[in-house]
Amino acid sequence: MNFIFQFCRILVMCCLGEILANVLPFPIPASVYGLVLLLAALKTGLYKLEEVRAAGKFLIAIMPMLFIPAAVGVMELWDDLGTMLIPCIVATGPITILVMGLTGLITQNVQRRIGKKGVKDGVPH
C-alpha cells in the first residue's frame, strides 16, 4: 500500500506539471515542470525522500522498457527516415558527443563539490 501512495505523490507533481504547461505561455514540456515541482517539494520538505524513494527506484529500473513504444514508432517510419539518414547522423552525432562531454564535466564538478560532505545512497548528507 505504501508503494501506491509513493506513486500517487509522484503523479500529483506530474498532474501539476500538466496544469502549468497548459496555463503558462512558455514552451516547456509538462514533464519538466513536474520534475522541477517534485525537486522543489523534496528540497522544501513538503515530501521526504523516503516518501517517494521506492517508487522512484522502480521507475528508474523499468525506464528502458518505457522507450520501446518510441523505438517501434521509429521503425514504422523507416522509409521516411531512410532518405534523411545521413543528415540525421550528421546532426545527432556531434550533439551527442557534446552532451556526453558536458554531462561528464558537470558530474565531475558536482562530485567534487559534495565529496567533502559525504554521500549515502547517492544522496548528499
PDB file of N, CA and C in Angstrom:
ATOM      1  N   MET A   1       0.822  -1.197   0.000  1.00  0.00           N
ATOM      2  CA  MET A   1       0.000   0.000   0.000  1.00  0.00           C
ATOM      3  C   MET A   1       0.865   1.260   0.000  1.00  0.00           C
ATOM      4  N   ASN A   2       1.998   1.196   0.692  1.00  0.00           N
ATOM      5  CA  ASN A   2       2.911   2.331   0.742  1.00  0.00           C
ATOM      6  C   ASN A   2       3.418   2.684  -0.655  1.00  0.00           C
ATOM      7  N   PHE A   3       3.651   1.652  -1.468  1.00  0.00           N
ATOM      8  CA  PHE A   3       4.121   1.845  -2.834  1.00  0.00           C
ATOM      9  C   PHE A   3       3.110   2.667  -3.638  1.00  0.00           C
ATOM     10  N   ILE A   4       1.840   2.392  -3.456  1.00  0.00           N
ATOM     11  CA  ILE A   4       0.783   3.118  -4.179  1.00  0.00           C
ATOM     12  C   ILE A   4       0.784   4.588  -3.779  1.00  0.00           C
ATOM     13  N   PHE A   5       0.946   4.852  -2.488  1.00  0.00           N
ATOM     14  CA  PHE A   5       0.985   6.243  -2.032  1.00  0.00           C
ATOM     15  C   PHE A   5       2.210   6.972  -2.592  1.00  0.00           C
ATOM     16  N   GLN A   6       3.318   6.267  -2.724  1.00  0.00           N
ATOM     17  CA  GLN A   6       4.510   6.890  -3.304  1.00  0.00           C
ATOM     18  C   GLN A   6       4.267   7.267  -4.766  1.00  0.00           C
ATOM     19  N   PHE A   7       3.637   6.353  -5.513  1.00  0.00           N
ATOM     20  CA  PHE A   7       3.305   6.671  -6.905  1.00  0.00           C
ATOM     21  C   PHE A   7       2.342   7.850  -6.971  1.00  0.00           C
ATOM     22  N   CYS A   8       1.388   7.886  -6.061  1.00  0.00           N
ATOM     23  CA  CYS A   8       0.416   8.987  -6.055  1.00  0.00           C
ATOM     24  C   CYS A   8       1.108  10.328  -5.812  1.00  0.00           C
ATOM     25  N   ARG A   9       2.075  10.355  -4.918  1.00  0.00           N
ATOM     26  CA  ARG A   9       2.812  11.603  -4.680  1.00  0.00           C
ATOM     27  C   ARG A   9       3.522  12.062  -5.954  1.00  0.00           C
ATOM     28  N   ILE A  10       4.128  11.130  -6.659  1.00  0.00           N
ATOM     29  CA  ILE A  10       4.809  11.483  -7.908  1.00  0.00           C
ATOM     30  C   ILE A  10       3.787  11.930  -8.964  1.00  0.00           C
ATOM     31  N   LEU A  11       2.665  11.228  -9.044  1.00  0.00           N
ATOM     32  CA  LEU A  11       1.633  11.586 -10.024  1.00  0.00           C
ATOM     33  C   LEU A  11       1.018  12.949  -9.755  1.00  0.00           C
ATOM     34  N   VAL A  12       0.913  13.333  -8.493  1.00  0.00           N
ATOM     35  CA  VAL A  12       0.397  14.666  -8.170  1.00  0.00           C
ATOM     36  C   VAL A  12       1.292  15.726  -8.793  1.00  0.00           C
ATOM     37  N   MET A  13       2.587  15.554  -8.665  1.00  0.00           N
ATOM     38  CA  MET A  13       3.518  16.519  -9.255  1.00  0.00           C
ATOM     39  C   MET A  13       3.436  16.507 -10.785  1.00  0.00           C
ATOM     40  N   CYS A  14       3.241  15.325 -11.365  1.00  0.00           N
ATOM     41  CA  CYS A  14       3.078  15.233 -12.825  1.00  0.00           C
ATOM     42  C   CYS A  14       1.822  15.972 -13.283  1.00  0.00           C
ATOM     43  N   CYS A  15       0.739  15.810 -12.540  1.00  0.00           N
ATOM     44  CA  CYS A  15      -0.514  16.497 -12.891  1.00  0.00           C
ATOM     45  C   CYS A  15      -0.377  18.002 -12.743  1.00  0.00           C
ATOM     46  N   LEU A  16       0.281  18.447 -11.682  1.00  0.00           N
ATOM     47  CA  LEU A  16       0.528  19.883 -11.523  1.00  0.00           C
ATOM     48  C   LEU A  16       1.404  20.407 -12.660  1.00  0.00           C
ATOM     49  N   GLY A  17       2.350  19.601 -13.108  1.00  0.00           N
ATOM     50  CA  GLY A  17       3.173  19.979 -14.257  1.00  0.00           C
ATOM     51  C   GLY A  17       2.339  20.129 -15.517  1.00  0.00           C
ATOM     52  N   GLU A  18       1.386  19.240 -15.711  1.00  0.00           N
ATOM     53  CA  GLU A  18       0.483  19.347 -16.863  1.00  0.00           C
ATOM     54  C   GLU A  18      -0.328  20.633 -16.798  1.00  0.00           C
ATOM     55  N   ILE A  19      -0.810  20.956 -15.614  1.00  0.00           N
ATOM     56  CA  ILE A  19      -1.594  22.189 -15.451  1.00  0.00           C
ATOM     57  C   ILE A  19      -0.722  23.408 -15.771  1.00  0.00           C
ATOM     58  N   LEU A  20       0.492  23.429 -15.232  1.00  0.00           N
ATOM     59  CA  LEU A  20       1.390  24.556 -15.501  1.00  0.00           C
ATOM     60  C   LEU A  20       1.705  24.680 -16.990  1.00  0.00           C
ATOM     61  N   ALA A  21       1.929  23.550 -17.653  1.00  0.00           N
ATOM     62  CA  ALA A  21       2.248  23.584 -19.083  1.00  0.00           C
ATOM     63  C   ALA A  21       1.093  24.154 -19.897  1.00  0.00           C
ATOM     64  N   ASN A  22      -0.132  23.923 -19.452  1.00  0.00           N
ATOM     65  CA  ASN A  22      -1.298  24.440 -20.174  1.00  0.00           C
ATOM     66  C   ASN A  22      -1.605  25.889 -19.831  1.00  0.00           C
ATOM     67  N   VAL A  23      -1.206  26.323 -18.640  1.00  0.00           N
ATOM     68  CA  VAL A  23      -1.529  27.673 -18.191  1.00  0.00           C
ATOM     69  C   VAL A  23      -0.436  28.671 -18.578  1.00  0.00           C
ATOM     70  N   LEU A  24       0.819  28.287 -18.405  1.00  0.00           N
ATOM     71  CA  LEU A  24       1.919  29.206 -18.681  1.00  0.00           C
ATOM     72  C   LEU A  24       2.244  29.235 -20.176  1.00  0.00           C
ATOM     73  N   PRO A  25       2.656  30.384 -20.680  1.00  0.00           N
ATOM     74  CA  PRO A  25       2.895  30.511 -22.126  1.00  0.00           C
ATOM     75  C   PRO A  25       4.288  30.077 -22.587  1.00  0.00           C
ATOM     76  N   PHE A  26       5.055  29.414 -21.745  1.00  0.00           N
ATOM     77  CA  PHE A  26       6.420  29.034 -22.099  1.00  0.00           C
ATOM     78  C   PHE A  26       6.447  27.688 -22.821  1.00  0.00           C
ATOM     79  N   PRO A  27       7.387  27.496 -23.750  1.00  0.00           N
ATOM     80  CA  PRO A  27       7.463  26.222 -24.484  1.00  0.00           C
ATOM     81  C   PRO A  27       8.252  25.162 -23.704  1.00  0.00           C
ATOM     82  N   ILE A  28       7.817  24.880 -22.479  1.00  0.00           N
ATOM     83  CA  ILE A  28       8.477  23.910 -21.616  1.00  0.00           C
ATOM     84  C   ILE A  28       7.543  22.718 -21.463  1.00  0.00           C
ATOM     85  N   PRO A  29       8.046  21.496 -21.664  1.00  0.00           N
ATOM     86  CA  PRO A  29       7.182  20.315 -21.539  1.00  0.00           C
ATOM     87  C   PRO A  29       6.658  20.143 -20.113  1.00  0.00           C
ATOM     88  N   ALA A  30       5.483  19.566 -20.005  1.00  0.00           N
ATOM     89  CA  ALA A  30       4.854  19.340 -18.709  1.00  0.00           C
ATOM     90  C   ALA A  30       5.705  18.442 -17.825  1.00  0.00           C
ATOM     91  N   SER A  31       6.422  17.496 -18.432  1.00  0.00           N
ATOM     92  CA  SER A  31       7.253  16.594 -17.636  1.00  0.00           C
ATOM     93  C   SER A  31       8.376  17.349 -16.924  1.00  0.00           C
ATOM     94  N   VAL A  32       8.896  18.388 -17.571  1.00  0.00           N
ATOM     95  CA  VAL A  32       9.952  19.192 -16.946  1.00  0.00           C
ATOM     96  C   VAL A  32       9.370  19.971 -15.771  1.00  0.00           C
ATOM     97  N   TYR A  33       8.197  20.551 -15.962  1.00  0.00           N
ATOM     98  CA  TYR A  33       7.535  21.232 -14.846  1.00  0.00           C
ATOM     99  C   TYR A  33       7.314  20.269 -13.684  1.00  0.00           C
ATOM    100  N   GLY A  34       6.854  19.065 -13.998  1.00  0.00           N
ATOM    101  CA  GLY A  34       6.606  18.079 -12.945  1.00  0.00           C
ATOM    102  C   GLY A  34       7.866  17.715 -12.183  1.00  0.00           C
ATOM    103  N   LEU A  35       8.972  17.522 -12.914  1.00  0.00           N
ATOM    104  CA  LEU A  35      10.242  17.205 -12.252  1.00  0.00           C
ATOM    105  C   LEU A  35      10.720  18.350 -11.374  1.00  0.00           C
ATOM    106  N   VAL A  36      10.588  19.573 -11.858  1.00  0.00           N
ATOM    107  CA  VAL A  36      11.005  20.732 -11.061  1.00  0.00           C
ATOM    108  C   VAL A  36      10.128  20.854  -9.815  1.00  0.00           C
ATOM    109  N   LEU A  37       8.841  20.622  -9.958  1.00  0.00           N
ATOM    110  CA  LEU A  37       7.950  20.669  -8.798  1.00  0.00           C
ATOM    111  C   LEU A  37       8.289  19.576  -7.787  1.00  0.00           C
ATOM    112  N   LEU A  38       8.610  18.382  -8.271  1.00  0.00           N
ATOM    113  CA  LEU A  38       8.994  17.298  -7.372  1.00  0.00           C
ATOM    114  C   LEU A  38      10.294  17.636  -6.659  1.00  0.00           C
ATOM    115  N   LEU A  39      11.250  18.187  -7.382  1.00  0.00           N
ATOM    116  CA  LEU A  39      12.505  18.620  -6.765  1.00  0.00           C
ATOM    117  C   LEU A  39      12.246  19.681  -5.700  1.00  0.00           C
ATOM    118  N   ALA A  40      11.391  20.655  -6.019  1.00  0.00           N
ATOM    119  CA  ALA A  40      11.074  21.711  -5.055  1.00  0.00           C
ATOM    120  C   ALA A  40      10.391  21.125  -3.808  1.00  0.00           C
ATOM    121  N   ALA A  41       9.494  20.156  -4.017  1.00  0.00           N
ATOM    122  CA  ALA A  41       8.819  19.523  -2.881  1.00  0.00           C
ATOM    123  C   ALA A  41       9.811  18.771  -1.998  1.00  0.00           C
ATOM    124  N   LEU A  42      10.791  18.139  -2.617  1.00  0.00           N
ATOM    125  CA  LEU A  42      11.809  17.419  -1.842  1.00  0.00           C
ATOM    126  C   LEU A  42      12.732  18.394  -1.110  1.00  0.00           C
ATOM    127  N   LYS A  43      13.139  19.466  -1.778  1.00  0.00           N
ATOM    128  CA  LYS A  43      14.064  20.423  -1.170  1.00  0.00           C
ATOM    129  C   LYS A  43      13.407  21.225  -0.046  1.00  0.00           C
ATOM    130  N   THR A  44      12.124  21.518  -0.167  1.00  0.00           N
ATOM    131  CA  THR A  44      11.441  22.305   0.852  1.00  0.00           C
ATOM    132  C   THR A  44      10.934  21.458   2.018  1.00  0.00           C
ATOM    133  N   GLY A  45      10.963  20.149   1.853  1.00  0.00           N
ATOM    134  CA  GLY A  45      10.493  19.278   2.924  1.00  0.00           C
ATOM    135  C   GLY A  45       9.018  18.925   2.821  1.00  0.00           C
ATOM    136  N   LEU A  46       8.354  19.406   1.768  1.00  0.00           N
ATOM    137  CA  LEU A  46       6.958  19.030   1.568  1.00  0.00           C
ATOM    138  C   LEU A  46       6.841  17.516   1.415  1.00  0.00           C
ATOM    139  N   TYR A  47       7.774  16.936   0.682  1.00  0.00           N
ATOM    140  CA  TYR A  47       7.915  15.482   0.568  1.00  0.00           C
ATOM    141  C   TYR A  47       9.248  15.104   1.191  1.00  0.00           C
ATOM    142  N   LYS A  48       9.259  14.022   1.907  1.00  0.00           N
ATOM    143  CA  LYS A  48      10.508  13.438   2.390  1.00  0.00           C
ATOM    144  C   LYS A  48      10.973  12.445   1.325  1.00  0.00           C
ATOM    145  N   LEU A  49      12.277  12.269   1.209  1.00  0.00           N
ATOM    146  CA  LEU A  49      12.815  11.368   0.200  1.00  0.00           C
ATOM    147  C   LEU A  49      12.264   9.954   0.368  1.00  0.00           C
ATOM    148  N   GLU A  50      12.098   9.532   1.584  1.00  0.00           N
ATOM    149  CA  GLU A  50      11.576   8.183   1.836  1.00  0.00           C
ATOM    150  C   GLU A  50      10.137   8.020   1.354  1.00  0.00           C
ATOM    151  N   GLU A  51       9.440   9.126   1.148  1.00  0.00           N
ATOM    152  CA  GLU A  51       8.050   9.067   0.691  1.00  0.00           C
ATOM    153  C   GLU A  51       7.924   8.811  -0.808  1.00  0.00           C
ATOM    154  N   VAL A  52       9.039   8.884  -1.537  1.00  0.00           N
ATOM    155  CA  VAL A  52       8.998   8.639  -2.983  1.00  0.00           C
ATOM    156  C   VAL A  52      10.142   7.757  -3.465  1.00  0.00           C
ATOM    157  N   ARG A  53      11.034   7.354  -2.563  1.00  0.00           N
ATOM    158  CA  ARG A  53      12.251   6.637  -2.969  1.00  0.00           C
ATOM    159  C   ARG A  53      11.954   5.310  -3.666  1.00  0.00           C
ATOM    160  N   ALA A  54      11.135   4.446  -3.090  1.00  0.00           N
ATOM    161  CA  ALA A  54      10.902   3.112  -3.663  1.00  0.00           C
ATOM    162  C   ALA A  54      10.241   3.209  -5.039  1.00  0.00           C
ATOM    163  N   ALA A  55       9.246   4.090  -5.163  1.00  0.00           N
ATOM    164  CA  ALA A  55       8.575   4.250  -6.457  1.00  0.00           C
ATOM    165  C   ALA A  55       9.537   4.833  -7.493  1.00  0.00           C
ATOM    166  N   GLY A  56      10.369   5.771  -7.073  1.00  0.00           N
ATOM    167  CA  GLY A  56      11.354   6.355  -7.984  1.00  0.00           C
ATOM    168  C   GLY A  56      12.362   5.332  -8.470  1.00  0.00           C
ATOM    169  N   LYS A  57      12.843   4.490  -7.544  1.00  0.00           N
ATOM    170  CA  LYS A  57      13.789   3.440  -7.938  1.00  0.00           C
ATOM    171  C   LYS A  57      13.136   2.458  -8.907  1.00  0.00           C
ATOM    172  N   PHE A  58      11.869   2.129  -8.673  1.00  0.00           N
ATOM    173  CA  PHE A  58      11.164   1.227  -9.579  1.00  0.00           C
ATOM    174  C   PHE A  58      11.048   1.840 -10.969  1.00  0.00           C
ATOM    175  N   LEU A  59      10.676   3.112 -11.035  1.00  0.00           N
ATOM    176  CA  LEU A  59      10.537   3.776 -12.340  1.00  0.00           C
ATOM    177  C   LEU A  59      11.867   3.839 -13.079  1.00  0.00           C
ATOM    178  N   ILE A  60      12.945   4.073 -12.355  1.00  0.00           N
ATOM    179  CA  ILE A  60      14.265   4.085 -12.991  1.00  0.00           C
ATOM    180  C   ILE A  60      14.626   2.692 -13.495  1.00  0.00           C
ATOM    181  N   ALA A  61      14.265   1.668 -12.733  1.00  0.00           N
ATOM    182  CA  ALA A  61      14.593   0.297 -13.129  1.00  0.00           C
ATOM    183  C   ALA A  61      13.878  -0.120 -14.414  1.00  0.00           C
ATOM    184  N   ILE A  62      12.648   0.362 -14.614  1.00  0.00           N
ATOM    185  CA  ILE A  62      11.898  -0.039 -15.814  1.00  0.00           C
ATOM    186  C   ILE A  62      12.009   0.979 -16.945  1.00  0.00           C
ATOM    187  N   MET A  63      12.830   1.999 -16.767  1.00  0.00           N
ATOM    188  CA  MET A  63      12.939   3.053 -17.779  1.00  0.00           C
ATOM    189  C   MET A  63      13.263   2.535 -19.183  1.00  0.00           C
ATOM    190  N   PRO A  64      14.195   1.583 -19.351  1.00  0.00           N
ATOM    191  CA  PRO A  64      14.449   1.106 -20.720  1.00  0.00           C
ATOM    192  C   PRO A  64      13.201   0.550 -21.397  1.00  0.00           C
ATOM    193  N   MET A  65      12.342  -0.110 -20.638  1.00  0.00           N
ATOM    194  CA  MET A  65      11.130  -0.672 -21.227  1.00  0.00           C
ATOM    195  C   MET A  65      10.165   0.431 -21.671  1.00  0.00           C
ATOM    196  N   LEU A  66      10.231   1.588 -21.038  1.00  0.00           N
ATOM    197  CA  LEU A  66       9.341   2.679 -21.398  1.00  0.00           C
ATOM    198  C   LEU A  66       9.689   3.292 -22.752  1.00  0.00           C
ATOM    199  N   PHE A  67      10.899   3.029 -23.264  1.00  0.00           N
ATOM    200  CA  PHE A  67      11.304   3.559 -24.560  1.00  0.00           C
ATOM    201  C   PHE A  67      10.938   2.635 -25.716  1.00  0.00           C
ATOM    202  N   ILE A  68      10.446   1.458 -25.453  1.00  0.00           N
ATOM    203  CA  ILE A  68      10.101   0.509 -26.522  1.00  0.00           C
ATOM    204  C   ILE A  68       9.040   1.076 -27.467  1.00  0.00           C
ATOM    205  N   PRO A  69       7.947   1.679 -26.968  1.00  0.00           N
ATOM    206  CA  PRO A  69       6.964   2.226 -27.926  1.00  0.00           C
ATOM    207  C   PRO A  69       7.561   3.282 -28.852  1.00  0.00           C
ATOM    208  N   ALA A  70       8.459   4.109 -28.345  1.00  0.00           N
ATOM    209  CA  ALA A  70       9.084   5.127 -29.202  1.00  0.00           C
ATOM    210  C   ALA A  70       9.949   4.462 -30.268  1.00  0.00           C
ATOM    211  N   ALA A  71      10.672   3.419 -29.897  1.00  0.00           N
ATOM    212  CA  ALA A  71      11.512   2.711 -30.869  1.00  0.00           C
ATOM    213  C   ALA A  71      10.658   2.057 -31.952  1.00  0.00           C
ATOM    214  N   VAL A  72       9.517   1.503 -31.573  1.00  0.00           N
ATOM    215  CA  VAL A  72       8.610   0.890 -32.556  1.00  0.00           C
ATOM    216  C   VAL A  72       8.071   1.958 -33.491  1.00  0.00           C
ATOM    217  N   GLY A  73       7.760   3.131 -32.964  1.00  0.00           N
ATOM    218  CA  GLY A  73       7.286   4.230 -33.800  1.00  0.00           C
ATOM    219  C   GLY A  73       8.320   4.645 -34.828  1.00  0.00           C
ATOM    220  N   VAL A  74       9.590   4.664 -34.418  1.00  0.00           N
ATOM    221  CA  VAL A  74      10.663   4.997 -35.366  1.00  0.00           C
ATOM    222  C   VAL A  74      10.767   3.925 -36.436  1.00  0.00           C
ATOM    223  N   MET A  75      10.618   2.669 -36.062  1.00  0.00           N
ATOM    224  CA  MET A  75      10.706   1.580 -37.038  1.00  0.00           C
ATOM    225  C   MET A  75       9.605   1.678 -38.091  1.00  0.00           C
ATOM    226  N   GLU A  76       8.425   2.148 -37.697  1.00  0.00           N
ATOM    227  CA  GLU A  76       7.333   2.297 -38.652  1.00  0.00           C
ATOM    228  C   GLU A  76       7.625   3.398 -39.674  1.00  0.00           C
ATOM    229  N   LEU A  77       8.442   4.362 -39.291  1.00  0.00           N
ATOM    230  CA  LEU A  77       8.769   5.474 -40.182  1.00  0.00           C
ATOM    231  C   LEU A  77      10.102   5.286 -40.897  1.00  0.00           C
ATOM    232  N   TRP A  78      10.603   4.056 -40.947  1.00  0.00           N
ATOM    233  CA  TRP A  78      11.932   3.822 -41.507  1.00  0.00           C
ATOM    234  C   TRP A  78      12.059   4.283 -42.958  1.00  0.00           C
ATOM    235  N   ASP A  79      11.008   4.114 -43.756  1.00  0.00           N
ATOM    236  CA  ASP A  79      11.068   4.551 -45.153  1.00  0.00           C
ATOM    237  C   ASP A  79      11.311   6.056 -45.252  1.00  0.00           C
ATOM    238  N   ASP A  80      10.630   6.816 -44.412  1.00  0.00           N
ATOM    239  CA  ASP A  80      10.832   8.270 -44.418  1.00  0.00           C
ATOM    240  C   ASP A  80      12.208   8.626 -43.864  1.00  0.00           C
ATOM    241  N   LEU A  81      12.642   7.909 -42.850  1.00  0.00           N
ATOM    242  CA  LEU A  81      13.938   8.194 -42.247  1.00  0.00           C
ATOM    243  C   LEU A  81      15.098   7.786 -43.150  1.00  0.00           C
ATOM    244  N   GLY A  82      14.888   6.785 -43.986  1.00  0.00           N
ATOM    245  CA  GLY A  82      15.953   6.319 -44.871  1.00  0.00           C
ATOM    246  C   GLY A  82      16.493   7.413 -45.761  1.00  0.00           C
ATOM    247  N   THR A  83      15.626   8.297 -46.247  1.00  0.00           N
ATOM    248  CA  THR A  83      16.074   9.384 -47.111  1.00  0.00           C
ATOM    249  C   THR A  83      16.784  10.486 -46.325  1.00  0.00           C
ATOM    250  N   MET A  84      16.528  10.536 -45.014  1.00  0.00           N
ATOM    251  CA  MET A  84      17.149  11.584 -44.182  1.00  0.00           C
ATOM    252  C   MET A  84      18.225  11.018 -43.259  1.00  0.00           C
ATOM    253  N   LEU A  85      18.669   9.788 -43.511  1.00  0.00           N
ATOM    254  CA  LEU A  85      19.588   9.128 -42.593  1.00  0.00           C
ATOM    255  C   LEU A  85      20.913   9.881 -42.437  1.00  0.00           C
ATOM    256  N   ILE A  86      21.530  10.269 -43.535  1.00  0.00           N
ATOM    257  CA  ILE A  86      22.824  10.965 -43.465  1.00  0.00           C
ATOM    258  C   ILE A  86      22.682  12.311 -42.749  1.00  0.00           C
ATOM    259  N   PRO A  87      21.704  13.153 -43.105  1.00  0.00           N
ATOM    260  CA  PRO A  87      21.565  14.420 -42.365  1.00  0.00           C
ATOM    261  C   PRO A  87      21.287  14.202 -40.868  1.00  0.00           C
ATOM    262  N   CYS A  88      20.532  13.164 -40.537  1.00  0.00           N
ATOM    263  CA  CYS A  88      20.246  12.880 -39.130  1.00  0.00           C
ATOM    264  C   CYS A  88      21.518  12.481 -38.390  1.00  0.00           C
ATOM    265  N   ILE A  89      22.335  11.659 -39.008  1.00  0.00           N
ATOM    266  CA  ILE A  89      23.584  11.235 -38.366  1.00  0.00           C
ATOM    267  C   ILE A  89      24.521  12.429 -38.208  1.00  0.00           C
ATOM    268  N   VAL A  90      24.610  13.260 -39.252  1.00  0.00           N
ATOM    269  CA  VAL A  90      25.475  14.433 -39.189  1.00  0.00           C
ATOM    270  C   VAL A  90      24.993  15.398 -38.096  1.00  0.00           C
ATOM    271  N   ALA A  91      23.689  15.506 -37.925  1.00  0.00           N
ATOM    272  CA  ALA A  91      23.148  16.427 -36.918  1.00  0.00           C
ATOM    273  C   ALA A  91      23.250  15.852 -35.509  1.00  0.00           C
ATOM    274  N   THR A  92      22.966  14.560 -35.341  1.00  0.00           N
ATOM    275  CA  THR A  92      22.923  13.996 -33.989  1.00  0.00           C
ATOM    276  C   THR A  92      24.280  13.545 -33.468  1.00  0.00           C
ATOM    277  N   GLY A  93      25.191  13.179 -34.333  1.00  0.00           N
ATOM    278  CA  GLY A  93      26.498  12.697 -33.885  1.00  0.00           C
ATOM    279  C   GLY A  93      27.257  13.699 -33.030  1.00  0.00           C
ATOM    280  N   PRO A  94      27.559  14.880 -33.573  1.00  0.00           N
ATOM    281  CA  PRO A  94      28.302  15.858 -32.770  1.00  0.00           C
ATOM    282  C   PRO A  94      27.538  16.324 -31.524  1.00  0.00           C
ATOM    283  N   ILE A  95      26.234  16.456 -31.646  1.00  0.00           N
ATOM    284  CA  ILE A  95      25.429  16.889 -30.495  1.00  0.00           C
ATOM    285  C   ILE A  95      25.490  15.845 -29.386  1.00  0.00           C
ATOM    286  N   THR A  96      25.424  14.570 -29.743  1.00  0.00           N
ATOM    287  CA  THR A  96      25.514  13.502 -28.749  1.00  0.00           C
ATOM    288  C   THR A  96      26.850  13.549 -28.030  1.00  0.00           C
ATOM    289  N   ILE A  97      27.926  13.726 -28.771  1.00  0.00           N
ATOM    290  CA  ILE A  97      29.259  13.814 -28.162  1.00  0.00           C
ATOM    291  C   ILE A  97      29.341  15.037 -27.245  1.00  0.00           C
ATOM    292  N   LEU A  98      28.786  16.158 -27.685  1.00  0.00           N
ATOM    293  CA  LEU A  98      28.789  17.369 -26.871  1.00  0.00           C
ATOM    294  C   LEU A  98      28.011  17.164 -25.566  1.00  0.00           C
ATOM    295  N   VAL A  99      26.822  16.577 -25.661  1.00  0.00           N
ATOM    296  CA  VAL A  99      26.005  16.339 -24.463  1.00  0.00           C
ATOM    297  C   VAL A  99      26.713  15.385 -23.513  1.00  0.00           C
ATOM    298  N   MET A 100      27.309  14.327 -24.034  1.00  0.00           N
ATOM    299  CA  MET A 100      28.022  13.374 -23.177  1.00  0.00           C
ATOM    300  C   MET A 100      29.200  14.050 -22.483  1.00  0.00           C
ATOM    301  N   GLY A 101      29.938  14.864 -23.200  1.00  0.00           N
ATOM    302  CA  GLY A 101      31.082  15.558 -22.607  1.00  0.00           C
ATOM    303  C   GLY A 101      30.669  16.542 -21.529  1.00  0.00           C
ATOM    304  N   LEU A 102      29.642  17.353 -21.835  1.00  0.00           N
ATOM    305  CA  LEU A 102      29.169  18.313 -20.838  1.00  0.00           C
ATOM    306  C   LEU A 102      28.583  17.618 -19.611  1.00  0.00           C
ATOM    307  N   THR A 103      27.873  16.529 -19.823  1.00  0.00           N
ATOM    308  CA  THR A 103      27.320  15.779 -18.696  1.00  0.00           C
ATOM    309  C   THR A 103      28.436  15.247 -17.813  1.00  0.00           C
ATOM    310  N   GLY A 104      29.482  14.731 -18.422  1.00  0.00           N
ATOM    311  CA  GLY A 104      30.619  14.233 -17.650  1.00  0.00           C
ATOM    312  C   GLY A 104      31.293  15.337 -16.852  1.00  0.00           C
ATOM    313  N   LEU A 105      31.495  16.497 -17.475  1.00  0.00           N
ATOM    314  CA  LEU A 105      32.123  17.617 -16.778  1.00  0.00           C
ATOM    315  C   LEU A 105      31.273  18.112 -15.612  1.00  0.00           C
ATOM    316  N   ILE A 106      29.979  18.228 -15.843  1.00  0.00           N
ATOM    317  CA  ILE A 106      29.075  18.678 -14.770  1.00  0.00           C
ATOM    318  C   ILE A 106      29.047  17.666 -13.635  1.00  0.00           C
ATOM    319  N   THR A 107      29.010  16.373 -13.966  1.00  0.00           N
ATOM    320  CA  THR A 107      29.002  15.334 -12.940  1.00  0.00           C
ATOM    321  C   THR A 107      30.277  15.376 -12.118  1.00  0.00           C
ATOM    322  N   GLN A 108      31.416  15.539 -12.757  1.00  0.00           N
ATOM    323  CA  GLN A 108      32.673  15.640 -12.022  1.00  0.00           C
ATOM    324  C   GLN A 108      32.685  16.858 -11.103  1.00  0.00           C
ATOM    325  N   ASN A 109      32.168  17.968 -11.588  1.00  0.00           N
ATOM    326  CA  ASN A 109      32.116  19.179 -10.784  1.00  0.00           C
ATOM    327  C   ASN A 109      31.227  18.984  -9.556  1.00  0.00           C
ATOM    328  N   VAL A 110      30.062  18.377  -9.757  1.00  0.00           N
ATOM    329  CA  VAL A 110      29.151  18.129  -8.632  1.00  0.00           C
ATOM    330  C   VAL A 110      29.784  17.158  -7.643  1.00  0.00           C
ATOM    331  N   GLN A 111      30.433  16.118  -8.134  1.00  0.00           N
ATOM    332  CA  GLN A 111      31.075  15.155  -7.239  1.00  0.00           C
ATOM    333  C   GLN A 111      32.181  15.822  -6.420  1.00  0.00           C
ATOM    334  N   ARG A 112      32.929  16.729  -7.013  1.00  0.00           N
ATOM    335  CA  ARG A 112      33.966  17.442  -6.270  1.00  0.00           C
ATOM    336  C   ARG A 112      33.360  18.305  -5.177  1.00  0.00           C
ATOM    337  N   ARG A 113      32.242  18.953  -5.492  1.00  0.00           N
ATOM    338  CA  ARG A 113      31.609  19.846  -4.517  1.00  0.00           C
ATOM    339  C   ARG A 113      31.012  19.093  -3.337  1.00  0.00           C
ATOM    340  N   ILE A 114      30.387  17.938  -3.594  1.00  0.00           N
ATOM    341  CA  ILE A 114      29.758  17.206  -2.490  1.00  0.00           C
ATOM    342  C   ILE A 114      30.683  16.156  -1.892  1.00  0.00           C
ATOM    343  N   GLY A 115      31.848  15.983  -2.473  1.00  0.00           N
ATOM    344  CA  GLY A 115      32.795  14.981  -1.984  1.00  0.00           C
ATOM    345  C   GLY A 115      33.205  15.217  -0.545  1.00  0.00           C
ATOM    346  N   LYS A 116      33.248  16.451  -0.126  1.00  0.00           N
ATOM    347  CA  LYS A 116      33.651  16.780   1.233  1.00  0.00           C
ATOM    348  C   LYS A 116      32.550  16.483   2.244  1.00  0.00           C
ATOM    349  N   LYS A 117      31.297  16.561   1.836  1.00  0.00           N
ATOM    350  CA  LYS A 117      30.175  16.372   2.746  1.00  0.00           C
ATOM    351  C   LYS A 117      29.897  14.904   3.034  1.00  0.00           C
ATOM    352  N   GLY A 118      30.138  14.039   2.063  1.00  0.00           N
ATOM    353  CA  GLY A 118      29.805  12.620   2.195  1.00  0.00           C
ATOM    354  C   GLY A 118      28.493  12.330   1.491  1.00  0.00           C
ATOM    355  N   VAL A 119      28.400  11.131   0.969  1.00  0.00           N
ATOM    356  CA  VAL A 119      27.221  10.732   0.217  1.00  0.00           C
ATOM    357  C   VAL A 119      26.793   9.352   0.678  1.00  0.00           C
ATOM    358  N   LYS A 120      25.480   9.179   0.876  1.00  0.00           N
ATOM    359  CA  LYS A 120      24.925   7.876   1.229  1.00  0.00           C
ATOM    360  C   LYS A 120      23.791   7.576   0.260  1.00  0.00           C
ATOM    361  N   ASP A 121      23.874   6.459  -0.423  1.00  0.00           N
ATOM    362  CA  ASP A 121      22.864   6.045  -1.420  1.00  0.00           C
ATOM    363  C   ASP A 121      22.701   7.071  -2.512  1.00  0.00           C
ATOM    364  N   GLY A 122      23.776   7.765  -2.895  1.00  0.00           N
ATOM    365  CA  GLY A 122      23.698   8.726  -3.967  1.00  0.00           C
ATOM    366  C   GLY A 122      23.065  10.042  -3.573  1.00  0.00           C
ATOM    367  N   VAL A 123      22.786  10.252  -2.274  1.00  0.00           N
ATOM    368  CA  VAL A 123      22.155  11.460  -1.803  1.00  0.00           C
ATOM    369  C   VAL A 123      23.119  12.197  -0.878  1.00  0.00           C
ATOM    370  N   PRO A 124      23.404  13.481  -1.160  1.00  0.00           N
ATOM    371  CA  PRO A 124      24.320  14.223  -0.270  1.00  0.00           C
ATOM    372  C   PRO A 124      23.732  14.378   1.117  1.00  0.00           C
ATOM    373  N   HIS A 125      24.575  14.271   2.127  1.00  0.00           N
ATOM    374  CA  HIS A 125      24.137  14.451   3.514  1.00  0.00           C
ATOM    375  C   HIS A 125      24.931  15.539   4.167  1.00  0.00           C
TER     376      HIS A 125
END
